[in-house]
Every structure is written in C-alpha cells, then in structure tokens.
Amino acid sequence: MSAERVTLTEARLRAALDPSELRVDDDSAAHAGHAGAREGGHYRVFIESNRFTGLHRVARHRLVYHALADLMQSGIHALAIDARAPGEG
C-alpha cells in the first residue's frame, strides 16, 4: 500500500505543480506503533517548482496540501514538506 501511496502522491504533485525536482519518501516504518499511524502513513516531500517563486513557505505548503487534499483525508497522516523555487538552497 505504501508504494502505491507514494506513486499516487508523486502523480498528484506532478500534475498540479509541474516540479523540476520531486522526491516522496515513505517514513511510515519509523512511526510504527504511533497512535496516528493507524490513520495513514508518514511521508516526506521535497519539491522544487517554478510555481513557488515569490511565495512564502505557508503559501507553498497550501499548494501542496491542495494537490493532495483527498489523500490527506485518508491515507496520509503526516506530511513533512520542503518546497523550494528553482535556485533556492
């Protein structure tokens, strides 16, 4: 299930934000036994997109959450986001 969730997450982010770089890691195993783990997995996203140029961190995260809205309701319990515009270090 987790590999499918990663693939679906990547597809949604590619379609919505046209990233130049994207990495989605499943960190669920590190959170096994955590009370919220029953509600979905723990994921880490690194995404670089021109769509983030000129936006502050909260606005960038909103774009990511919007792209993943239904997955956030079932399947994703926790999401760590590193969202950058091209050229940001």
C-alpha atoms as a PDB file:
ATOM      1  CA  MET A   1       0.000   0.000   0.000  1.00  0.00           C
ATOM      2  CA  SER A   2       2.745   2.492   0.836  1.00  0.00           C
ATOM      3  CA  ALA A   3       4.439   2.187  -2.576  1.00  0.00           C
ATOM      4  CA  GLU A   4       1.074   2.852  -4.212  1.00  0.00           C
ATOM      5  CA  ARG A   5       0.540   5.877  -1.955  1.00  0.00           C
ATOM      6  CA  VAL A   6       3.972   7.272  -2.890  1.00  0.00           C
ATOM      7  CA  THR A   7       3.216   6.782  -6.604  1.00  0.00           C
ATOM      8  CA  LEU A   8      -0.172   8.469  -6.266  1.00  0.00           C
ATOM      9  CA  THR A   9       1.308  11.345  -4.247  1.00  0.00           C
ATOM     10  CA  GLU A  10       4.003  11.895  -6.874  1.00  0.00           C
ATOM     11  CA  ALA A  11       1.434  11.837  -9.686  1.00  0.00           C
ATOM     12  CA  ARG A  12      -0.791  14.402  -7.960  1.00  0.00           C
ATOM     13  CA  LEU A  13       2.112  16.751  -7.263  1.00  0.00           C
ATOM     14  CA  ARG A  14       3.467  16.450 -10.823  1.00  0.00           C
ATOM     15  CA  ALA A  15       0.058  17.217 -12.304  1.00  0.00           C
ATOM     16  CA  ALA A  16      -0.649  20.185 -10.023  1.00  0.00           C
ATOM     17  CA  LEU A  17       2.772  21.805  -9.644  1.00  0.00           C
ATOM     18  CA  ASP A  18       4.910  20.664 -12.606  1.00  0.00           C
ATOM     19  CA  PRO A  19       8.024  20.229 -10.450  1.00  0.00           C
ATOM     20  CA  SER A  20      11.547  20.331 -11.825  1.00  0.00           C
ATOM     21  CA  GLU A  21      12.521  18.032  -8.958  1.00  0.00           C
ATOM     22  CA  LEU A  22      10.359  15.809  -6.780  1.00  0.00           C
ATOM     23  CA  ARG A  23      11.077  13.203  -4.150  1.00  0.00           C
ATOM     24  CA  VAL A  24       8.497  11.494  -1.937  1.00  0.00           C
ATOM     25  CA  ASP A  25       9.792   9.281   0.861  1.00  0.00           C
ATOM     26  CA  ASP A  26       7.682   6.958   2.990  1.00  0.00           C
ATOM     27  CA  ASP A  27       8.750   7.367   6.632  1.00  0.00           C
ATOM     28  CA  SER A  28       5.899   5.234   7.999  1.00  0.00           C
ATOM     29  CA  ALA A  29       8.137   2.454   9.314  1.00  0.00           C
ATOM     30  CA  ALA A  30       9.872   4.938  11.620  1.00  0.00           C
ATOM     31  CA  HIS A  31       6.486   5.745  13.183  1.00  0.00           C
ATOM     32  CA  ALA A  32       5.148   2.215  13.674  1.00  0.00           C
ATOM     33  CA  GLY A  33       3.163   1.992  16.886  1.00  0.00           C
ATOM     34  CA  HIS A  34       2.379   5.718  16.869  1.00  0.00           C
ATOM     35  CA  ALA A  35      -1.317   6.244  17.611  1.00  0.00           C
ATOM     36  CA  GLY A  36      -1.907   8.155  14.376  1.00  0.00           C
ATOM     37  CA  ALA A  37      -0.153   5.557  12.248  1.00  0.00           C
ATOM     38  CA  ARG A  38      -3.445   3.632  12.000  1.00  0.00           C
ATOM     39  CA  GLU A  39      -4.987   6.619  10.196  1.00  0.00           C
ATOM     40  CA  GLY A  40      -2.388   6.723   7.420  1.00  0.00           C
ATOM     41  CA  GLY A  41       1.266   6.912   6.581  1.00  0.00           C
ATOM     42  CA  HIS A  42       4.018   9.396   7.319  1.00  0.00           C
ATOM     43  CA  TYR A  43       5.631  10.942   4.257  1.00  0.00           C
ATOM     44  CA  ARG A  44       8.382  13.427   3.450  1.00  0.00           C
ATOM     45  CA  VAL A  45       8.211  15.525   0.255  1.00  0.00           C
ATOM     46  CA  PHE A  46      10.966  17.505  -1.408  1.00  0.00           C
ATOM     47  CA  ILE A  47       9.585  19.509  -4.308  1.00  0.00           C
ATOM     48  CA  GLU A  48      11.094  22.228  -6.473  1.00  0.00           C
ATOM     49  CA  SER A  49       8.753  24.123  -8.771  1.00  0.00           C
ATOM     50  CA  ASN A  50       8.530  27.451 -10.576  1.00  0.00           C
ATOM     51  CA  ARG A  51       5.054  27.722  -9.026  1.00  0.00           C
ATOM     52  CA  PHE A  52       6.734  28.531  -5.694  1.00  0.00           C
ATOM     53  CA  THR A  53       8.663  31.553  -6.988  1.00  0.00           C
ATOM     54  CA  GLY A  54       7.776  34.612  -4.940  1.00  0.00           C
ATOM     55  CA  LEU A  55       5.636  32.684  -2.460  1.00  0.00           C
ATOM     56  CA  HIS A  56       6.311  32.384   1.250  1.00  0.00           C
ATOM     57  CA  ARG A  57       6.517  28.987   2.937  1.00  0.00           C
ATOM     58  CA  VAL A  58       2.883  28.841   4.067  1.00  0.00           C
ATOM     59  CA  ALA A  59       1.589  29.582   0.553  1.00  0.00           C
ATOM     60  CA  ARG A  60       3.850  26.883  -0.886  1.00  0.00           C
ATOM     61  CA  HIS A  61       2.591  24.353   1.641  1.00  0.00           C
ATOM     62  CA  ARG A  62      -1.006  25.289   0.841  1.00  0.00           C
ATOM     63  CA  LEU A  63      -0.388  24.470  -2.824  1.00  0.00           C
ATOM     64  CA  VAL A  64       0.995  21.058  -1.862  1.00  0.00           C
ATOM     65  CA  TYR A  65      -1.884  20.351   0.539  1.00  0.00           C
ATOM     66  CA  HIS A  66      -4.411  21.439  -2.092  1.00  0.00           C
ATOM     67  CA  ALA A  67      -2.911  18.991  -4.612  1.00  0.00           C
ATOM     68  CA  LEU A  68      -3.144  16.197  -2.037  1.00  0.00           C
ATOM     69  CA  ALA A  69      -6.433  17.197  -0.378  1.00  0.00           C
ATOM     70  CA  ASP A  70      -8.266  13.883  -0.644  1.00  0.00           C
ATOM     71  CA  LEU A  71      -5.151  11.885   0.284  1.00  0.00           C
ATOM     72  CA  MET A  72      -4.768  13.992   3.412  1.00  0.00           C
ATOM     73  CA  GLN A  73      -8.249  12.853   4.446  1.00  0.00           C
ATOM     74  CA  SER A  74      -7.409   9.166   4.091  1.00  0.00           C
ATOM     75  CA  GLY A  75      -4.008   7.673   3.564  1.00  0.00           C
ATOM     76  CA  ILE A  76      -1.644  10.408   4.722  1.00  0.00           C
ATOM     77  CA  HIS A  77      -1.424  11.025   8.460  1.00  0.00           C
ATOM     78  CA  ALA A  78       1.684  13.218   8.477  1.00  0.00           C
ATOM     79  CA  LEU A  79       3.467  15.136   5.730  1.00  0.00           C
ATOM     80  CA  ALA A  80       6.796  16.928   6.018  1.00  0.00           C
ATOM     81  CA  ILE A  81       7.248  19.395   3.162  1.00  0.00           C
ATOM     82  CA  ASP A  82      10.390  21.016   1.760  1.00  0.00           C
ATOM     83  CA  ALA A  83       9.062  23.223  -1.065  1.00  0.00           C
ATOM     84  CA  ARG A  84      11.501  25.399  -2.993  1.00  0.00           C
ATOM     85  CA  ALA A  85      11.634  27.552  -6.072  1.00  0.00           C
ATOM     86  CA  PRO A  86      14.424  26.741  -8.567  1.00  0.00           C
ATOM     87  CA  GLY A  87      17.776  28.104  -7.434  1.00  0.00           C
ATOM     88  CA  GLU A  88      16.937  28.197  -3.737  1.00  0.00           C
ATOM     89  CA  GLY A  89      19.425  26.416  -1.479  1.00  0.00           C
END
